[in-house]
Amino acid sequence: MSDIISTSRRPYLLRAMHEWITDNMQTPYIVVDANEEGVEVPHEHVQDGKIILNISYSAANVLELGNEWVMFQARFSGISQSIAVPVFAIMAIYSNETGEGLIFDDEQEISPPPTGNDEPPNRLSSVKTDNKVTKKPSSDKPSHLRVVK
């Protein structure tokens, strides 16, 4: 069988979780590794190399959840700022109300695709940060998935 090149699942899972959290009338937050190349966030709000951003439609103006970038405008301390985050720098997405979400495992991801341009597209951003600790959901049940050959 030939090698199959596939795109990262991360942007698709990110969009799906954002939609699910929003549809359930909750607030989606993302955890971003602020030390990754290309991350444009207000560094005065970064703690321990991470920043937590509210990406609800009410907090993130002109939200774009693309395959390579998450971009929006938001307010930090009353000042509007543009936020640009490469999708590979997003570590998790979760509901602020319940803590339910998804933690991305870097071991399953391919390194970011070369775009030939390390700068984000000319776009937009500021968001409320929160010091919540996310927890990986645990399950005692075995997976219902099976390998099909």
C-alpha atoms as a PDB file:
ATOM      1  CA  MET A   1       0.000   0.000   0.000  1.00  0.00           C
ATOM      2  CA  SER A   2       1.362   3.449  -0.822  1.00  0.00           C
ATOM      3  CA  ASP A   3       1.920   6.092   1.809  1.00  0.00           C
ATOM      4  CA  ILE A   4      -1.173   8.194   2.303  1.00  0.00           C
ATOM      5  CA  ILE A   5      -0.650  11.829   3.164  1.00  0.00           C
ATOM      6  CA  SER A   6      -3.463  13.251   5.223  1.00  0.00           C
ATOM      7  CA  THR A   7      -4.164  16.594   6.739  1.00  0.00           C
ATOM      8  CA  SER A   8      -4.231  17.203  10.464  1.00  0.00           C
ATOM      9  CA  ARG A   9      -7.425  16.280  12.306  1.00  0.00           C
ATOM     10  CA  ARG A  10      -6.914  19.126  14.759  1.00  0.00           C
ATOM     11  CA  PRO A  11      -8.716  21.936  12.857  1.00  0.00           C
ATOM     12  CA  TYR A  12     -11.686  19.683  12.120  1.00  0.00           C
ATOM     13  CA  LEU A  13     -11.968  18.518  15.723  1.00  0.00           C
ATOM     14  CA  LEU A  14     -11.537  22.105  16.909  1.00  0.00           C
ATOM     15  CA  ARG A  15     -14.435  23.302  14.738  1.00  0.00           C
ATOM     16  CA  ALA A  16     -16.610  20.353  15.774  1.00  0.00           C
ATOM     17  CA  MET A  17     -15.994  20.914  19.482  1.00  0.00           C
ATOM     18  CA  HIS A  18     -16.570  24.677  19.092  1.00  0.00           C
ATOM     19  CA  GLU A  19     -19.922  23.951  17.434  1.00  0.00           C
ATOM     20  CA  TRP A  20     -20.917  21.355  20.039  1.00  0.00           C
ATOM     21  CA  ILE A  21     -20.014  23.608  22.979  1.00  0.00           C
ATOM     22  CA  THR A  22     -21.829  26.577  21.382  1.00  0.00           C
ATOM     23  CA  ASP A  23     -24.910  24.497  20.494  1.00  0.00           C
ATOM     24  CA  ASN A  24     -25.136  23.480  24.157  1.00  0.00           C
ATOM     25  CA  MET A  25     -25.264  27.162  25.187  1.00  0.00           C
ATOM     26  CA  GLN A  26     -21.811  27.017  26.787  1.00  0.00           C
ATOM     27  CA  THR A  27     -18.632  29.054  26.332  1.00  0.00           C
ATOM     28  CA  PRO A  28     -15.745  27.542  24.313  1.00  0.00           C
ATOM     29  CA  TYR A  29     -12.233  28.274  25.562  1.00  0.00           C
ATOM     30  CA  ILE A  30      -8.948  27.236  23.977  1.00  0.00           C
ATOM     31  CA  VAL A  31      -5.596  26.660  25.659  1.00  0.00           C
ATOM     32  CA  VAL A  32      -2.750  27.992  23.514  1.00  0.00           C
ATOM     33  CA  ASP A  33       0.981  27.323  23.760  1.00  0.00           C
ATOM     34  CA  ALA A  34       2.094  30.957  23.560  1.00  0.00           C
ATOM     35  CA  ASN A  35       5.713  29.923  22.945  1.00  0.00           C
ATOM     36  CA  GLU A  36       4.966  28.386  19.538  1.00  0.00           C
ATOM     37  CA  GLU A  37       6.147  30.270  16.487  1.00  0.00           C
ATOM     38  CA  GLY A  38       3.543  32.546  14.916  1.00  0.00           C
ATOM     39  CA  VAL A  39       1.321  32.958  18.000  1.00  0.00           C
ATOM     40  CA  GLU A  40       0.050  36.537  18.209  1.00  0.00           C
ATOM     41  CA  VAL A  41      -1.577  37.118  21.596  1.00  0.00           C
ATOM     42  CA  PRO A  42      -1.165  39.788  24.291  1.00  0.00           C
ATOM     43  CA  HIS A  43       1.892  38.431  26.092  1.00  0.00           C
ATOM     44  CA  GLU A  44       1.080  40.293  29.296  1.00  0.00           C
ATOM     45  CA  HIS A  45      -1.746  37.743  29.767  1.00  0.00           C
ATOM     46  CA  VAL A  46       0.446  34.677  29.185  1.00  0.00           C
ATOM     47  CA  GLN A  47       1.057  32.516  32.265  1.00  0.00           C
ATOM     48  CA  ASP A  48       3.480  29.595  32.353  1.00  0.00           C
ATOM     49  CA  GLY A  49       3.857  29.826  28.576  1.00  0.00           C
ATOM     50  CA  LYS A  50       0.123  29.364  27.998  1.00  0.00           C
ATOM     51  CA  ILE A  51      -2.875  31.582  27.437  1.00  0.00           C
ATOM     52  CA  ILE A  52      -6.537  30.660  27.717  1.00  0.00           C
ATOM     53  CA  LEU A  53      -8.811  32.405  25.233  1.00  0.00           C
ATOM     54  CA  ASN A  54     -12.579  32.706  25.113  1.00  0.00           C
ATOM     55  CA  ILE A  55     -13.581  31.951  21.509  1.00  0.00           C
ATOM     56  CA  SER A  56     -17.333  32.337  21.910  1.00  0.00           C
ATOM     57  CA  TYR A  57     -19.057  34.374  19.231  1.00  0.00           C
ATOM     58  CA  SER A  58     -19.839  37.057  21.816  1.00  0.00           C
ATOM     59  CA  ALA A  59     -16.175  37.477  22.838  1.00  0.00           C
ATOM     60  CA  ALA A  60     -14.356  36.759  19.575  1.00  0.00           C
ATOM     61  CA  ASN A  61     -15.330  39.225  16.856  1.00  0.00           C
ATOM     62  CA  VAL A  62     -14.912  38.045  13.236  1.00  0.00           C
ATOM     63  CA  LEU A  63     -13.930  34.547  14.420  1.00  0.00           C
ATOM     64  CA  GLU A  64     -12.240  32.431  11.768  1.00  0.00           C
ATOM     65  CA  LEU A  65     -11.564  28.770  12.566  1.00  0.00           C
ATOM     66  CA  GLY A  66      -9.446  27.838   9.564  1.00  0.00           C
ATOM     67  CA  ASN A  67      -7.335  24.791   8.762  1.00  0.00           C
ATOM     68  CA  GLU A  68      -4.063  26.550   9.611  1.00  0.00           C
ATOM     69  CA  TRP A  69      -5.051  29.578  11.726  1.00  0.00           C
ATOM     70  CA  VAL A  70      -7.588  30.639  14.336  1.00  0.00           C
ATOM     71  CA  MET A  71      -8.035  34.397  14.049  1.00  0.00           C
ATOM     72  CA  PHE A  72     -10.338  36.921  15.635  1.00  0.00           C
ATOM     73  CA  GLN A  73     -10.552  40.310  17.321  1.00  0.00           C
ATOM     74  CA  ALA A  74     -11.194  40.658  21.032  1.00  0.00           C
ATOM     75  CA  ARG A  75     -10.727  43.036  23.938  1.00  0.00           C
ATOM     76  CA  PHE A  76      -8.118  42.741  26.654  1.00  0.00           C
ATOM     77  CA  SER A  77      -8.380  45.330  29.428  1.00  0.00           C
ATOM     78  CA  GLY A  78     -10.733  47.290  27.178  1.00  0.00           C
ATOM     79  CA  ILE A  79      -8.283  47.433  24.260  1.00  0.00           C
ATOM     80  CA  SER A  80      -9.236  45.747  20.973  1.00  0.00           C
ATOM     81  CA  GLN A  81      -6.513  43.446  19.666  1.00  0.00           C
ATOM     82  CA  SER A  82      -6.048  41.029  16.789  1.00  0.00           C
ATOM     83  CA  ILE A  83      -5.354  37.419  17.753  1.00  0.00           C
ATOM     84  CA  ALA A  84      -3.743  34.929  15.391  1.00  0.00           C
ATOM     85  CA  VAL A  85      -2.986  31.404  16.556  1.00  0.00           C
ATOM     86  CA  PRO A  86      -1.614  28.612  14.367  1.00  0.00           C
ATOM     87  CA  VAL A  87      -3.873  25.592  14.838  1.00  0.00           C
ATOM     88  CA  PHE A  88      -0.895  23.426  15.855  1.00  0.00           C
ATOM     89  CA  ALA A  89      -0.339  25.744  18.881  1.00  0.00           C
ATOM     90  CA  ILE A  90      -3.799  24.954  20.308  1.00  0.00           C
ATOM     91  CA  MET A  91      -3.424  22.439  23.093  1.00  0.00           C
ATOM     92  CA  ALA A  92      -7.077  22.007  24.091  1.00  0.00           C
ATOM     93  CA  ILE A  93     -10.649  23.244  23.672  1.00  0.00           C
ATOM     94  CA  TYR A  94     -13.185  22.981  26.471  1.00  0.00           C
ATOM     95  CA  SER A  95     -16.452  24.317  27.858  1.00  0.00           C
ATOM     96  CA  ASN A  96     -15.865  26.941  30.531  1.00  0.00           C
ATOM     97  CA  GLU A  97     -19.042  25.873  32.329  1.00  0.00           C
ATOM     98  CA  THR A  98     -18.492  22.106  32.513  1.00  0.00           C
ATOM     99  CA  GLY A  99     -14.795  21.580  31.736  1.00  0.00           C
ATOM    100  CA  GLU A 100     -15.765  19.036  29.072  1.00  0.00           C
ATOM    101  CA  GLY A 101     -13.616  19.222  25.987  1.00  0.00           C
ATOM    102  CA  LEU A 102     -10.743  17.810  24.062  1.00  0.00           C
ATOM    103  CA  ILE A 103      -7.012  17.823  24.780  1.00  0.00           C
ATOM    104  CA  PHE A 104      -4.926  17.478  21.647  1.00  0.00           C
ATOM    105  CA  ASP A 105      -2.160  14.883  21.744  1.00  0.00           C
ATOM    106  CA  ASP A 106       0.903  16.135  19.886  1.00  0.00           C
ATOM    107  CA  GLU A 107       2.204  12.611  19.364  1.00  0.00           C
ATOM    108  CA  GLN A 108      -0.682  11.929  16.981  1.00  0.00           C
ATOM    109  CA  GLU A 109      -0.109  15.059  14.959  1.00  0.00           C
ATOM    110  CA  ILE A 110       2.244  15.684  12.103  1.00  0.00           C
ATOM    111  CA  SER A 111       4.396  18.775  12.494  1.00  0.00           C
ATOM    112  CA  PRO A 112       2.835  21.924  11.035  1.00  0.00           C
ATOM    113  CA  PRO A 113       2.740  21.967   7.262  1.00  0.00           C
ATOM    114  CA  PRO A 114       5.150  24.378   5.629  1.00  0.00           C
ATOM    115  CA  THR A 115       3.232  27.253   4.132  1.00  0.00           C
ATOM    116  CA  GLY A 116       6.197  29.167   2.812  1.00  0.00           C
ATOM    117  CA  ASN A 117       5.025  32.062   4.926  1.00  0.00           C
ATOM    118  CA  ASP A 118       5.392  32.065   8.702  1.00  0.00           C
ATOM    119  CA  GLU A 119       3.256  35.178   9.004  1.00  0.00           C
ATOM    120  CA  PRO A 120      -0.494  34.841   9.495  1.00  0.00           C
ATOM    121  CA  PRO A 121      -2.706  36.207   6.765  1.00  0.00           C
ATOM    122  CA  ASN A 122      -3.330  39.918   7.230  1.00  0.00           C
ATOM    123  CA  ARG A 123      -6.345  39.818   9.488  1.00  0.00           C
ATOM    124  CA  LEU A 124      -7.495  40.673  12.801  1.00  0.00           C
ATOM    125  CA  SER A 125      -8.660  40.603  18.617  1.00  0.00           C
ATOM    126  CA  SER A 126      -8.743  40.319  22.270  1.00  0.00           C
ATOM    127  CA  VAL A 127     -10.260  37.921  24.755  1.00  0.00           C
ATOM    128  CA  LYS A 128     -10.898  37.326  28.372  1.00  0.00           C
ATOM    129  CA  THR A 129      -8.450  34.916  29.977  1.00  0.00           C
ATOM    130  CA  ASP A 130      -9.169  32.494  32.779  1.00  0.00           C
ATOM    131  CA  ASN A 131      -6.972  30.396  35.058  1.00  0.00           C
ATOM    132  CA  LYS A 132      -9.098  27.240  34.939  1.00  0.00           C
ATOM    133  CA  VAL A 133      -7.303  23.926  34.942  1.00  0.00           C
ATOM    134  CA  THR A 134      -8.493  21.524  32.287  1.00  0.00           C
ATOM    135  CA  LYS A 135      -8.747  17.860  33.072  1.00  0.00           C
ATOM    136  CA  LYS A 136      -8.587  15.010  30.639  1.00  0.00           C
ATOM    137  CA  PRO A 137     -11.873  13.115  30.803  1.00  0.00           C
ATOM    138  CA  SER A 138     -11.469   9.641  32.203  1.00  0.00           C
ATOM    139  CA  SER A 139     -13.486   6.621  31.277  1.00  0.00           C
ATOM    140  CA  ASP A 140     -13.543   3.165  32.778  1.00  0.00           C
ATOM    141  CA  LYS A 141     -15.401   1.785  29.763  1.00  0.00           C
ATOM    142  CA  PRO A 142     -13.443   0.123  26.965  1.00  0.00           C
ATOM    143  CA  SER A 143     -13.604   1.765  23.564  1.00  0.00           C
ATOM    144  CA  HIS A 144     -16.469   0.817  21.290  1.00  0.00           C
ATOM    145  CA  LEU A 145     -14.184   1.230  18.275  1.00  0.00           C
ATOM    146  CA  ARG A 146     -12.541  -1.713  16.552  1.00  0.00           C
ATOM    147  CA  VAL A 147      -9.932  -2.143  13.851  1.00  0.00           C
ATOM    148  CA  VAL A 148     -11.372  -3.031  10.444  1.00  0.00           C
ATOM    149  CA  LYS A 149      -9.016  -4.476   7.847  1.00  0.00           C
END
